[in-house]
PDB file of N, CA and C in Angstrom:
ATOM      1  N   UNK A   1      57.332  21.099  64.410  1.00  0.00           N
ATOM      2  CA  UNK A   1      57.240  20.827  62.991  1.00  0.00           C
ATOM      3  C   UNK A   1      56.444  21.931  62.275  1.00  0.00           C
ATOM      4  N   UNK A   2      55.320  22.330  62.835  1.00  0.00           N
ATOM      5  CA  UNK A   2      54.510  23.409  62.265  1.00  0.00           C
ATOM      6  C   UNK A   2      54.405  24.506  63.316  1.00  0.00           C
ATOM      7  N   UNK A   3      54.746  25.718  62.935  1.00  0.00           N
ATOM      8  CA  UNK A   3      54.619  26.837  63.865  1.00  0.00           C
ATOM      9  C   UNK A   3      53.466  27.747  63.499  1.00  0.00           C
ATOM     10  N   UNK A   4      53.251  27.954  62.192  1.00  0.00           N
ATOM     11  CA  UNK A   4      52.194  28.844  61.712  1.00  0.00           C
ATOM     12  C   UNK A   4      51.442  28.156  60.579  1.00  0.00           C
ATOM     13  N   UNK A   5      50.131  28.340  60.564  1.00  0.00           N
ATOM     14  CA  UNK A   5      49.297  27.878  59.460  1.00  0.00           C
ATOM     15  C   UNK A   5      49.080  29.090  58.565  1.00  0.00           C
ATOM     16  N   UNK A   6      49.586  29.016  57.343  1.00  0.00           N
ATOM     17  CA  UNK A   6      49.506  30.148  56.421  1.00  0.00           C
ATOM     18  C   UNK A   6      48.369  29.921  55.436  1.00  0.00           C
ATOM     19  N   UNK A   7      47.546  30.949  55.285  1.00  0.00           N
ATOM     20  CA  UNK A   7      46.393  30.874  54.396  1.00  0.00           C
ATOM     21  C   UNK A   7      46.430  32.008  53.379  1.00  0.00           C
ATOM     22  N   UNK A   8      45.913  31.728  52.205  1.00  0.00           N
ATOM     23  CA  UNK A   8      45.896  32.706  51.113  1.00  0.00           C
ATOM     24  C   UNK A   8      44.823  33.767  51.336  1.00  0.00           C
ATOM     25  N   UNK A   9      44.855  34.802  50.501  1.00  0.00           N
ATOM     26  CA  UNK A   9      43.831  35.851  50.562  1.00  0.00           C
ATOM     27  C   UNK A   9      42.455  35.276  50.242  1.00  0.00           C
ATOM     28  N   UNK A  10      42.399  34.319  49.324  1.00  0.00           N
ATOM     29  CA  UNK A  10      41.127  33.665  48.995  1.00  0.00           C
ATOM     30  C   UNK A  10      40.586  32.929  50.212  1.00  0.00           C
ATOM     31  N   UNK A  11      41.462  32.196  50.900  1.00  0.00           N
ATOM     32  CA  UNK A  11      41.038  31.474  52.103  1.00  0.00           C
ATOM     33  C   UNK A  11      40.568  32.450  53.178  1.00  0.00           C
ATOM     34  N   UNK A  12      41.231  33.577  53.286  1.00  0.00           N
ATOM     35  CA  UNK A  12      40.827  34.600  54.258  1.00  0.00           C
ATOM     36  C   UNK A  12      39.405  35.079  53.965  1.00  0.00           C
ATOM     37  N   UNK A  13      39.104  35.335  52.693  1.00  0.00           N
ATOM     38  CA  UNK A  13      37.754  35.765  52.321  1.00  0.00           C
ATOM     39  C   UNK A  13      36.729  34.660  52.579  1.00  0.00           C
ATOM     40  N   UNK A  14      37.119  33.414  52.339  1.00  0.00           N
ATOM     41  CA  UNK A  14      36.223  32.293  52.613  1.00  0.00           C
ATOM     42  C   UNK A  14      35.942  32.188  54.109  1.00  0.00           C
ATOM     43  N   UNK A  15      36.957  32.408  54.927  1.00  0.00           N
ATOM     44  CA  UNK A  15      36.765  32.385  56.377  1.00  0.00           C
ATOM     45  C   UNK A  15      35.813  33.485  56.825  1.00  0.00           C
ATOM     46  N   UNK A  16      35.955  34.664  56.256  1.00  0.00           N
ATOM     47  CA  UNK A  16      35.057  35.774  56.598  1.00  0.00           C
ATOM     48  C   UNK A  16      33.620  35.405  56.248  1.00  0.00           C
ATOM     49  N   UNK A  17      33.424  34.827  55.073  1.00  0.00           N
ATOM     50  CA  UNK A  17      32.087  34.400  54.644  1.00  0.00           C
ATOM     51  C   UNK A  17      31.525  33.342  55.583  1.00  0.00           C
ATOM     52  N   UNK A  18      32.330  32.340  55.912  1.00  0.00           N
ATOM     53  CA  UNK A  18      31.862  31.253  56.780  1.00  0.00           C
ATOM     54  C   UNK A  18      31.589  31.742  58.195  1.00  0.00           C
ATOM     55  N   UNK A  19      32.402  32.648  58.680  1.00  0.00           N
ATOM     56  CA  UNK A  19      32.189  33.216  60.018  1.00  0.00           C
ATOM     57  C   UNK A  19      30.858  33.958  60.067  1.00  0.00           C
ATOM     58  N   UNK A  20      30.587  34.741  59.032  1.00  0.00           N
ATOM     59  CA  UNK A  20      29.331  35.484  58.956  1.00  0.00           C
ATOM     60  C   UNK A  20      28.136  34.525  58.817  1.00  0.00           C
ATOM     61  N   UNK A  21      28.295  33.507  57.993  1.00  0.00           N
ATOM     62  CA  UNK A  21      27.206  32.564  57.732  1.00  0.00           C
ATOM     63  C   UNK A  21      26.881  31.697  58.949  1.00  0.00           C
ATOM     64  N   UNK A  22      27.905  31.311  59.700  1.00  0.00           N
ATOM     65  CA  UNK A  22      27.704  30.357  60.796  1.00  0.00           C
ATOM     66  C   UNK A  22      27.634  30.990  62.173  1.00  0.00           C
ATOM     67  N   UNK A  23      28.249  32.143  62.336  1.00  0.00           N
ATOM     68  CA  UNK A  23      28.337  32.733  63.662  1.00  0.00           C
ATOM     69  C   UNK A  23      29.473  32.155  64.491  1.00  0.00           C
ATOM     70  N   UNK A  24      30.258  31.251  63.909  1.00  0.00           N
ATOM     71  CA  UNK A  24      31.421  30.705  64.610  1.00  0.00           C
ATOM     72  C   UNK A  24      32.432  31.834  64.763  1.00  0.00           C
ATOM     73  N   UNK A  25      32.856  32.057  65.987  1.00  0.00           N
ATOM     74  CA  UNK A  25      33.635  33.242  66.312  1.00  0.00           C
ATOM     75  C   UNK A  25      35.101  33.170  65.892  1.00  0.00           C
ATOM     76  N   UNK A  26      35.691  31.977  65.942  1.00  0.00           N
ATOM     77  CA  UNK A  26      37.135  31.861  65.744  1.00  0.00           C
ATOM     78  C   UNK A  26      37.470  31.108  64.459  1.00  0.00           C
ATOM     79  N   UNK A  27      38.412  31.663  63.708  1.00  0.00           N
ATOM     80  CA  UNK A  27      38.830  31.053  62.452  1.00  0.00           C
ATOM     81  C   UNK A  27      39.393  29.652  62.645  1.00  0.00           C
ATOM     82  N   UNK A  28      40.095  29.422  63.752  1.00  0.00           N
ATOM     83  CA  UNK A  28      40.716  28.118  63.942  1.00  0.00           C
ATOM     84  C   UNK A  28      39.676  26.996  63.979  1.00  0.00           C
ATOM     85  N   UNK A  29      38.506  27.259  64.518  1.00  0.00           N
ATOM     86  CA  UNK A  29      37.451  26.240  64.577  1.00  0.00           C
ATOM     87  C   UNK A  29      36.983  25.899  63.166  1.00  0.00           C
ATOM     88  N   UNK A  30      36.790  26.919  62.346  1.00  0.00           N
ATOM     89  CA  UNK A  30      36.368  26.697  60.960  1.00  0.00           C
ATOM     90  C   UNK A  30      37.467  25.958  60.194  1.00  0.00           C
ATOM     91  N   UNK A  31      38.716  26.346  60.406  1.00  0.00           N
ATOM     92  CA  UNK A  31      39.836  25.699  59.716  1.00  0.00           C
ATOM     93  C   UNK A  31      39.976  24.233  60.113  1.00  0.00           C
ATOM     94  N   UNK A  32      39.763  23.915  61.366  1.00  0.00           N
ATOM     95  CA  UNK A  32      39.809  22.511  61.797  1.00  0.00           C
ATOM     96  C   UNK A  32      38.749  21.694  61.080  1.00  0.00           C
ATOM     97  N   UNK A  33      37.546  22.246  61.003  1.00  0.00           N
ATOM     98  CA  UNK A  33      36.460  21.549  60.319  1.00  0.00           C
ATOM     99  C   UNK A  33      36.806  21.367  58.837  1.00  0.00           C
ATOM    100  N   UNK A  34      37.348  22.415  58.226  1.00  0.00           N
ATOM    101  CA  UNK A  34      37.743  22.344  56.818  1.00  0.00           C
ATOM    102  C   UNK A  34      38.813  21.276  56.605  1.00  0.00           C
ATOM    103  N   UNK A  35      39.795  21.228  57.493  1.00  0.00           N
ATOM    104  CA  UNK A  35      40.863  20.234  57.396  1.00  0.00           C
ATOM    105  C   UNK A  35      40.299  18.822  57.435  1.00  0.00           C
ATOM    106  N   UNK A  36      39.447  18.550  58.401  1.00  0.00           N
ATOM    107  CA  UNK A  36      38.901  17.200  58.546  1.00  0.00           C
ATOM    108  C   UNK A  36      37.982  16.836  57.381  1.00  0.00           C
ATOM    109  N   UNK A  37      37.200  17.793  56.910  1.00  0.00           N
ATOM    110  CA  UNK A  37      36.320  17.548  55.768  1.00  0.00           C
ATOM    111  C   UNK A  37      37.139  17.157  54.540  1.00  0.00           C
ATOM    112  N   UNK A  38      38.195  17.893  54.279  1.00  0.00           N
ATOM    113  CA  UNK A  38      39.034  17.608  53.119  1.00  0.00           C
ATOM    114  C   UNK A  38      39.776  16.288  53.272  1.00  0.00           C
ATOM    115  N   UNK A  39      40.323  16.032  54.450  1.00  0.00           N
ATOM    116  CA  UNK A  39      41.074  14.794  54.655  1.00  0.00           C
ATOM    117  C   UNK A  39      40.181  13.562  54.566  1.00  0.00           C
ATOM    118  N   UNK A  40      38.897  13.720  54.850  1.00  0.00           N
ATOM    119  CA  UNK A  40      37.967  12.593  54.775  1.00  0.00           C
ATOM    120  C   UNK A  40      37.583  12.261  53.335  1.00  0.00           C
ATOM    121  N   UNK A  41      37.843  13.174  52.424  1.00  0.00           N
ATOM    122  CA  UNK A  41      37.481  12.967  51.022  1.00  0.00           C
ATOM    123  C   UNK A  41      38.411  11.952  50.368  1.00  0.00           C
ATOM    124  N   UNK A  42      37.830  11.117  49.517  1.00  0.00           N
ATOM    125  CA  UNK A  42      38.627  10.148  48.762  1.00  0.00           C
ATOM    126  C   UNK A  42      39.206  10.753  47.486  1.00  0.00           C
ATOM    127  N   UNK A  43      38.747  11.932  47.125  1.00  0.00           N
ATOM    128  CA  UNK A  43      39.213  12.583  45.900  1.00  0.00           C
ATOM    129  C   UNK A  43      40.632  13.114  46.075  1.00  0.00           C
ATOM    130  N   UNK A  44      41.402  13.024  45.004  1.00  0.00           N
ATOM    131  CA  UNK A  44      42.771  13.544  45.030  1.00  0.00           C
ATOM    132  C   UNK A  44      42.742  15.065  45.119  1.00  0.00           C
ATOM    133  N   UNK A  45      43.738  15.604  45.779  1.00  0.00           N
ATOM    134  CA  UNK A  45      43.856  17.061  45.865  1.00  0.00           C
ATOM    135  C   UNK A  45      44.198  17.636  44.496  1.00  0.00           C
ATOM    136  N   UNK A  46      43.551  18.730  44.128  1.00  0.00           N
ATOM    137  CA  UNK A  46      43.924  19.366  42.861  1.00  0.00           C
ATOM    138  C   UNK A  46      45.280  20.052  43.014  1.00  0.00           C
ATOM    139  N   UNK A  47      46.077  20.054  41.956  1.00  0.00           N
ATOM    140  CA  UNK A  47      47.363  20.762  42.052  1.00  0.00           C
ATOM    141  C   UNK A  47      47.117  22.263  42.100  1.00  0.00           C
ATOM    142  N   UNK A  48      47.537  22.885  43.183  1.00  0.00           N
ATOM    143  CA  UNK A  48      47.336  24.323  43.353  1.00  0.00           C
ATOM    144  C   UNK A  48      48.596  24.937  43.922  1.00  0.00           C
ATOM    145  N   UNK A  49      48.821  26.173  43.554  1.00  0.00           N
ATOM    146  CA  UNK A  49      49.928  26.937  44.108  1.00  0.00           C
ATOM    147  C   UNK A  49      49.331  28.176  44.759  1.00  0.00           C
ATOM    148  N   UNK A  50      49.195  28.151  46.062  1.00  0.00           N
ATOM    149  CA  UNK A  50      48.537  29.228  46.790  1.00  0.00           C
ATOM    150  C   UNK A  50      49.511  30.367  47.074  1.00  0.00           C
ATOM    151  N   UNK A  51      49.122  31.564  46.690  1.00  0.00           N
ATOM    152  CA  UNK A  51      49.899  32.751  47.037  1.00  0.00           C
ATOM    153  C   UNK A  51      49.424  33.232  48.408  1.00  0.00           C
ATOM    154  N   UNK A  52      50.339  33.372  49.328  1.00  0.00           N
ATOM    155  CA  UNK A  52      49.972  33.761  50.687  1.00  0.00           C
ATOM    156  C   UNK A  52      49.941  35.284  50.869  1.00  0.00           C
ATOM    157  N   UNK A  53      50.213  36.029  49.817  1.00  0.00           N
ATOM    158  CA  UNK A  53      50.164  37.492  49.892  1.00  0.00           C
ATOM    159  C   UNK A  53      48.739  37.943  50.194  1.00  0.00           C
ATOM    160  N   UNK A  54      48.591  38.766  51.196  1.00  0.00           N
ATOM    161  CA  UNK A  54      47.275  39.275  51.569  1.00  0.00           C
ATOM    162  C   UNK A  54      46.446  38.294  52.370  1.00  0.00           C
ATOM    163  N   UNK A  55      47.048  37.172  52.722  1.00  0.00           N
ATOM    164  CA  UNK A  55      46.332  36.161  53.495  1.00  0.00           C
ATOM    165  C   UNK A  55      46.475  36.392  54.985  1.00  0.00           C
ATOM    166  N   UNK A  56      46.402  35.314  55.734  1.00  0.00           N
ATOM    167  CA  UNK A  56      46.578  35.423  57.177  1.00  0.00           C
ATOM    168  C   UNK A  56      47.308  34.206  57.699  1.00  0.00           C
ATOM    169  N   UNK A  57      47.781  34.312  58.918  1.00  0.00           N
ATOM    170  CA  UNK A  57      48.480  33.218  59.580  1.00  0.00           C
ATOM    171  C   UNK A  57      47.814  32.955  60.918  1.00  0.00           C
ATOM    172  N   UNK A  58      47.745  31.679  61.260  1.00  0.00           N
ATOM    173  CA  UNK A  58      47.216  31.262  62.553  1.00  0.00           C
ATOM    174  C   UNK A  58      48.319  30.478  63.249  1.00  0.00           C
ATOM    175  N   UNK A  59      48.590  30.804  64.477  1.00  0.00           N
ATOM    176  CA  UNK A  59      49.580  30.072  65.257  1.00  0.00           C
ATOM    177  C   UNK A  59      49.146  28.614  65.375  1.00  0.00           C
ATOM    178  N   UNK A  60      50.087  27.676  65.206  1.00  0.00           N
ATOM    179  CA  UNK A  60      49.767  26.252  65.255  1.00  0.00           C
ATOM    180  C   UNK A  60      49.100  25.871  66.574  1.00  0.00           C
ATOM    181  N   UNK A  61      49.560  26.419  67.681  1.00  0.00           N
ATOM    182  CA  UNK A  61      48.971  26.065  68.984  1.00  0.00           C
ATOM    183  C   UNK A  61      47.521  26.517  69.068  1.00  0.00           C
ATOM    184  N   UNK A  62      47.202  27.635  68.444  1.00  0.00           N
ATOM    185  CA  UNK A  62      45.821  28.114  68.400  1.00  0.00           C
ATOM    186  C   UNK A  62      45.005  27.233  67.460  1.00  0.00           C
ATOM    187  N   UNK A  63      45.570  26.929  66.296  1.00  0.00           N
ATOM    188  CA  UNK A  63      44.871  26.096  65.320  1.00  0.00           C
ATOM    189  C   UNK A  63      44.535  24.724  65.909  1.00  0.00           C
ATOM    190  N   UNK A  64      45.530  24.062  66.462  1.00  0.00           N
ATOM    191  CA  UNK A  64      45.375  22.671  66.878  1.00  0.00           C
ATOM    192  C   UNK A  64      44.884  22.504  68.310  1.00  0.00           C
ATOM    193  N   UNK A  65      45.163  23.469  69.163  1.00  0.00           N
ATOM    194  CA  UNK A  65      44.731  23.362  70.554  1.00  0.00           C
ATOM    195  C   UNK A  65      45.341  22.155  71.248  1.00  0.00           C
ATOM    196  N   UNK A  66      44.561  21.553  72.124  1.00  0.00           N
ATOM    197  CA  UNK A  66      45.035  20.403  72.898  1.00  0.00           C
ATOM    198  C   UNK A  66      45.220  19.159  72.039  1.00  0.00           C
ATOM    199  N   UNK A  67      44.678  19.169  70.840  1.00  0.00           N
ATOM    200  CA  UNK A  67      44.758  18.004  69.953  1.00  0.00           C
ATOM    201  C   UNK A  67      45.924  18.109  68.966  1.00  0.00           C
ATOM    202  N   UNK A  68      46.920  18.931  69.272  1.00  0.00           N
ATOM    203  CA  UNK A  68      48.028  19.164  68.340  1.00  0.00           C
ATOM    204  C   UNK A  68      48.717  17.867  67.921  1.00  0.00           C
ATOM    205  N   UNK A  69      48.988  16.986  68.859  1.00  0.00           N
ATOM    206  CA  UNK A  69      49.654  15.722  68.518  1.00  0.00           C
ATOM    207  C   UNK A  69      48.790  14.868  67.601  1.00  0.00           C
ATOM    208  N   UNK A  70      47.504  14.852  67.854  1.00  0.00           N
ATOM    209  CA  UNK A  70      46.582  14.082  67.016  1.00  0.00           C
ATOM    210  C   UNK A  70      46.572  14.634  65.596  1.00  0.00           C
ATOM    211  N   UNK A  71      46.457  15.953  65.467  1.00  0.00           N
ATOM    212  CA  UNK A  71      46.474  16.566  64.132  1.00  0.00           C
ATOM    213  C   UNK A  71      47.796  16.292  63.417  1.00  0.00           C
ATOM    214  N   UNK A  72      48.914  16.406  64.126  1.00  0.00           N
ATOM    215  CA  UNK A  72      50.213  16.141  63.498  1.00  0.00           C
ATOM    216  C   UNK A  72      50.309  14.706  63.004  1.00  0.00           C
ATOM    217  N   UNK A  73      49.828  13.762  63.808  1.00  0.00           N
ATOM    218  CA  UNK A  73      49.866  12.360  63.389  1.00  0.00           C
ATOM    219  C   UNK A  73      48.986  12.118  62.168  1.00  0.00           C
ATOM    220  N   UNK A  74      47.794  12.699  62.157  1.00  0.00           N
ATOM    221  CA  UNK A  74      46.912  12.559  60.994  1.00  0.00           C
ATOM    222  C   UNK A  74      47.549  13.170  59.748  1.00  0.00           C
ATOM    223  N   UNK A  75      48.142  14.341  59.908  1.00  0.00           N
ATOM    224  CA  UNK A  75      48.796  14.999  58.776  1.00  0.00           C
ATOM    225  C   UNK A  75      50.003  14.206  58.283  1.00  0.00           C
ATOM    226  N   UNK A  76      50.763  13.622  59.199  1.00  0.00           N
ATOM    227  CA  UNK A  76      51.916  12.809  58.803  1.00  0.00           C
ATOM    228  C   UNK A  76      51.461  11.581  58.016  1.00  0.00           C
ATOM    229  N   UNK A  77      50.393  10.939  58.473  1.00  0.00           N
ATOM    230  CA  UNK A  77      49.860   9.779  57.756  1.00  0.00           C
ATOM    231  C   UNK A  77      49.380  10.182  56.360  1.00  0.00           C
ATOM    232  N   UNK A  78      48.694  11.308  56.270  1.00  0.00           N
ATOM    233  CA  UNK A  78      48.177  11.777  54.981  1.00  0.00           C
ATOM    234  C   UNK A  78      49.330  12.193  54.065  1.00  0.00           C
ATOM    235  N   UNK A  79      50.358  12.822  54.616  1.00  0.00           N
ATOM    236  CA  UNK A  79      51.527  13.212  53.817  1.00  0.00           C
ATOM    237  C   UNK A  79      52.213  11.972  53.245  1.00  0.00           C
ATOM    238  N   UNK A  80      52.349  10.940  54.050  1.00  0.00           N
ATOM    239  CA  UNK A  80      52.953   9.691  53.579  1.00  0.00           C
ATOM    240  C   UNK A  80      52.112   9.085  52.462  1.00  0.00           C
ATOM    241  N   UNK A  81      50.811   9.076  52.653  1.00  0.00           N
ATOM    242  CA  UNK A  81      49.893   8.496  51.671  1.00  0.00           C
ATOM    243  C   UNK A  81      49.891   9.291  50.358  1.00  0.00           C
ATOM    244  N   UNK A  82      49.853  10.602  50.451  1.00  0.00           N
ATOM    245  CA  UNK A  82      49.694  11.442  49.258  1.00  0.00           C
ATOM    246  C   UNK A  82      51.009  11.883  48.627  1.00  0.00           C
ATOM    247  N   UNK A  83      52.038  12.058  49.438  1.00  0.00           N
ATOM    248  CA  UNK A  83      53.295  12.614  48.929  1.00  0.00           C
ATOM    249  C   UNK A  83      54.460  11.637  49.016  1.00  0.00           C
ATOM    250  N   UNK A  84      54.241  10.521  49.695  1.00  0.00           N
ATOM    251  CA  UNK A  84      55.281   9.512  49.799  1.00  0.00           C
ATOM    252  C   UNK A  84      56.401   9.848  50.760  1.00  0.00           C
ATOM    253  N   UNK A  85      56.200  10.844  51.594  1.00  0.00           N
ATOM    254  CA  UNK A  85      57.223  11.211  52.580  1.00  0.00           C
ATOM    255  C   UNK A  85      56.590  11.925  53.769  1.00  0.00           C
ATOM    256  N   UNK A  86      57.323  11.894  54.871  1.00  0.00           N
ATOM    257  CA  UNK A  86      56.867  12.570  56.087  1.00  0.00           C
ATOM    258  C   UNK A  86      57.961  13.529  56.537  1.00  0.00           C
ATOM    259  N   UNK A  87      58.205  14.521  55.738  1.00  0.00           N
ATOM    260  CA  UNK A  87      59.155  15.574  56.100  1.00  0.00           C
ATOM    261  C   UNK A  87      58.356  16.760  56.630  1.00  0.00           C
ATOM    262  N   UNK A  88      58.999  17.673  57.341  1.00  0.00           N
ATOM    263  CA  UNK A  88      58.274  18.866  57.793  1.00  0.00           C
ATOM    264  C   UNK A  88      57.617  19.621  56.639  1.00  0.00           C
ATOM    265  N   UNK A  89      58.309  19.696  55.502  1.00  0.00           N
ATOM    266  CA  UNK A  89      57.751  20.392  54.338  1.00  0.00           C
ATOM    267  C   UNK A  89      56.518  19.676  53.800  1.00  0.00           C
ATOM    268  N   UNK A  90      56.570  18.348  53.739  1.00  0.00           N
ATOM    269  CA  UNK A  90      55.435  17.569  53.232  1.00  0.00           C
ATOM    270  C   UNK A  90      54.231  17.697  54.153  1.00  0.00           C
ATOM    271  N   UNK A  91      54.466  17.698  55.457  1.00  0.00           N
ATOM    272  CA  UNK A  91      53.367  17.828  56.418  1.00  0.00           C
ATOM    273  C   UNK A  91      52.740  19.219  56.316  1.00  0.00           C
ATOM    274  N   UNK A  92      53.569  20.256  56.215  1.00  0.00           N
ATOM    275  CA  UNK A  92      53.041  21.621  56.062  1.00  0.00           C
ATOM    276  C   UNK A  92      52.257  21.772  54.760  1.00  0.00           C
ATOM    277  N   UNK A  93      52.786  21.211  53.679  1.00  0.00           N
ATOM    278  CA  UNK A  93      52.095  21.293  52.386  1.00  0.00           C
ATOM    279  C   UNK A  93      50.765  20.549  52.432  1.00  0.00           C
ATOM    280  N   UNK A  94      50.734  19.428  53.113  1.00  0.00           N
ATOM    281  CA  UNK A  94      49.498  18.656  53.259  1.00  0.00           C
ATOM    282  C   UNK A  94      48.473  19.451  54.044  1.00  0.00           C
ATOM    283  N   UNK A  95      48.896  20.059  55.134  1.00  0.00           N
ATOM    284  CA  UNK A  95      48.003  20.896  55.937  1.00  0.00           C
ATOM    285  C   UNK A  95      47.434  22.038  55.100  1.00  0.00           C
ATOM    286  N   UNK A  96      48.299  22.759  54.424  1.00  0.00           N
ATOM    287  CA  UNK A  96      47.864  23.908  53.627  1.00  0.00           C
ATOM    288  C   UNK A  96      46.881  23.493  52.540  1.00  0.00           C
ATOM    289  N   UNK A  97      47.205  22.439  51.821  1.00  0.00           N
ATOM    290  CA  UNK A  97      46.345  21.993  50.721  1.00  0.00           C
ATOM    291  C   UNK A  97      44.974  21.562  51.225  1.00  0.00           C
ATOM    292  N   UNK A  98      44.949  20.825  52.328  1.00  0.00           N
ATOM    293  CA  UNK A  98      43.665  20.330  52.830  1.00  0.00           C
ATOM    294  C   UNK A  98      42.817  21.432  53.460  1.00  0.00           C
ATOM    295  N   UNK A  99      43.425  22.361  54.159  1.00  0.00           N
ATOM    296  CA  UNK A  99      42.637  23.467  54.720  1.00  0.00           C
ATOM    297  C   UNK A  99      42.040  24.300  53.588  1.00  0.00           C
ATOM    298  N   UNK A 100      42.830  24.584  52.563  1.00  0.00           N
ATOM    299  CA  UNK A 100      42.317  25.371  51.438  1.00  0.00           C
ATOM    300  C   UNK A 100      41.176  24.645  50.722  1.00  0.00           C
ATOM    301  N   UNK A 101      41.352  23.350  50.453  1.00  0.00           N
ATOM    302  CA  UNK A 101      40.275  22.616  49.780  1.00  0.00           C
ATOM    303  C   UNK A 101      39.047  22.538  50.670  1.00  0.00           C
ATOM    304  N   UNK A 102      39.248  22.289  51.953  1.00  0.00           N
ATOM    305  CA  UNK A 102      38.122  22.204  52.881  1.00  0.00           C
ATOM    306  C   UNK A 102      37.338  23.501  52.965  1.00  0.00           C
ATOM    307  N   UNK A 103      38.036  24.626  52.985  1.00  0.00           N
ATOM    308  CA  UNK A 103      37.343  25.920  53.009  1.00  0.00           C
ATOM    309  C   UNK A 103      36.525  26.115  51.736  1.00  0.00           C
ATOM    310  N   UNK A 104      37.091  25.733  50.603  1.00  0.00           N
ATOM    311  CA  UNK A 104      36.349  25.838  49.338  1.00  0.00           C
ATOM    312  C   UNK A 104      35.100  24.972  49.367  1.00  0.00           C
ATOM    313  N   UNK A 105      35.221  23.775  49.913  1.00  0.00           N
ATOM    314  CA  UNK A 105      34.063  22.883  50.014  1.00  0.00           C
ATOM    315  C   UNK A 105      32.995  23.472  50.930  1.00  0.00           C
ATOM    316  N   UNK A 106      33.417  24.028  52.048  1.00  0.00           N
ATOM    317  CA  UNK A 106      32.458  24.602  52.993  1.00  0.00           C
ATOM    318  C   UNK A 106      31.739  25.811  52.413  1.00  0.00           C
ATOM    319  N   UNK A 107      32.458  26.654  51.700  1.00  0.00           N
ATOM    320  CA  UNK A 107      31.845  27.846  51.117  1.00  0.00           C
ATOM    321  C   UNK A 107      30.862  27.465  50.008  1.00  0.00           C
ATOM    322  N   UNK A 108      31.170  26.393  49.296  1.00  0.00           N
ATOM    323  CA  UNK A 108      30.339  26.021  48.149  1.00  0.00           C
ATOM    324  C   UNK A 108      29.043  25.319  48.542  1.00  0.00           C
ATOM    325  N   UNK A 109      28.904  24.964  49.800  1.00  0.00           N
ATOM    326  CA  UNK A 109      27.675  24.319  50.252  1.00  0.00           C
ATOM    327  C   UNK A 109      26.953  25.230  51.233  1.00  0.00           C
ATOM    328  N   UNK A 110      25.670  25.179  51.212  1.00  0.00           N
ATOM    329  CA  UNK A 110      24.880  25.959  52.169  1.00  0.00           C
ATOM    330  C   UNK A 110      24.519  25.133  53.396  1.00  0.00           C
ATOM    331  N   UNK A 111      25.076  23.931  53.498  1.00  0.00           N
ATOM    332  CA  UNK A 111      24.749  23.046  54.614  1.00  0.00           C
ATOM    333  C   UNK A 111      25.549  23.364  55.870  1.00  0.00           C
ATOM    334  N   UNK A 112      26.653  24.099  55.720  1.00  0.00           N
ATOM    335  CA  UNK A 112      27.508  24.398  56.868  1.00  0.00           C
ATOM    336  C   UNK A 112      26.998  25.649  57.555  1.00  0.00           C
ATOM    337  N   UNK A 113      26.172  25.453  58.556  1.00  0.00           N
ATOM    338  CA  UNK A 113      25.646  26.579  59.328  1.00  0.00           C
ATOM    339  C   UNK A 113      25.292  26.088  60.719  1.00  0.00           C
ATOM    340  N   UNK A 114      25.156  27.016  61.628  1.00  0.00           N
ATOM    341  CA  UNK A 114      24.819  26.690  63.015  1.00  0.00           C
ATOM    342  C   UNK A 114      23.367  27.032  63.247  1.00  0.00           C
TER     343      UNK A 114
END
């Protein structure tokens, strides 16, 4: 269903900042945390149209690791709740929106550090 996690240039810069701030070596770890932080929020996602030009891509297997099925199920549930459907496009859009919002939340707080 998901092969690549695509992130915008803004998200790439946020990852660089968070990596430097925390010392976390791999982007996928930061992205997982961002995803869960955003999905745990009760606030509605803001309508955004992310341009992926100048961004980066992470292979889904690297992003999700051994928990790929768990992440897919969580994303499918969230897609159904927020978008009213569980299509591959809806699941990918849900993933992208939540990772981007989560990264913004992490960058805006000084509490995320190791």
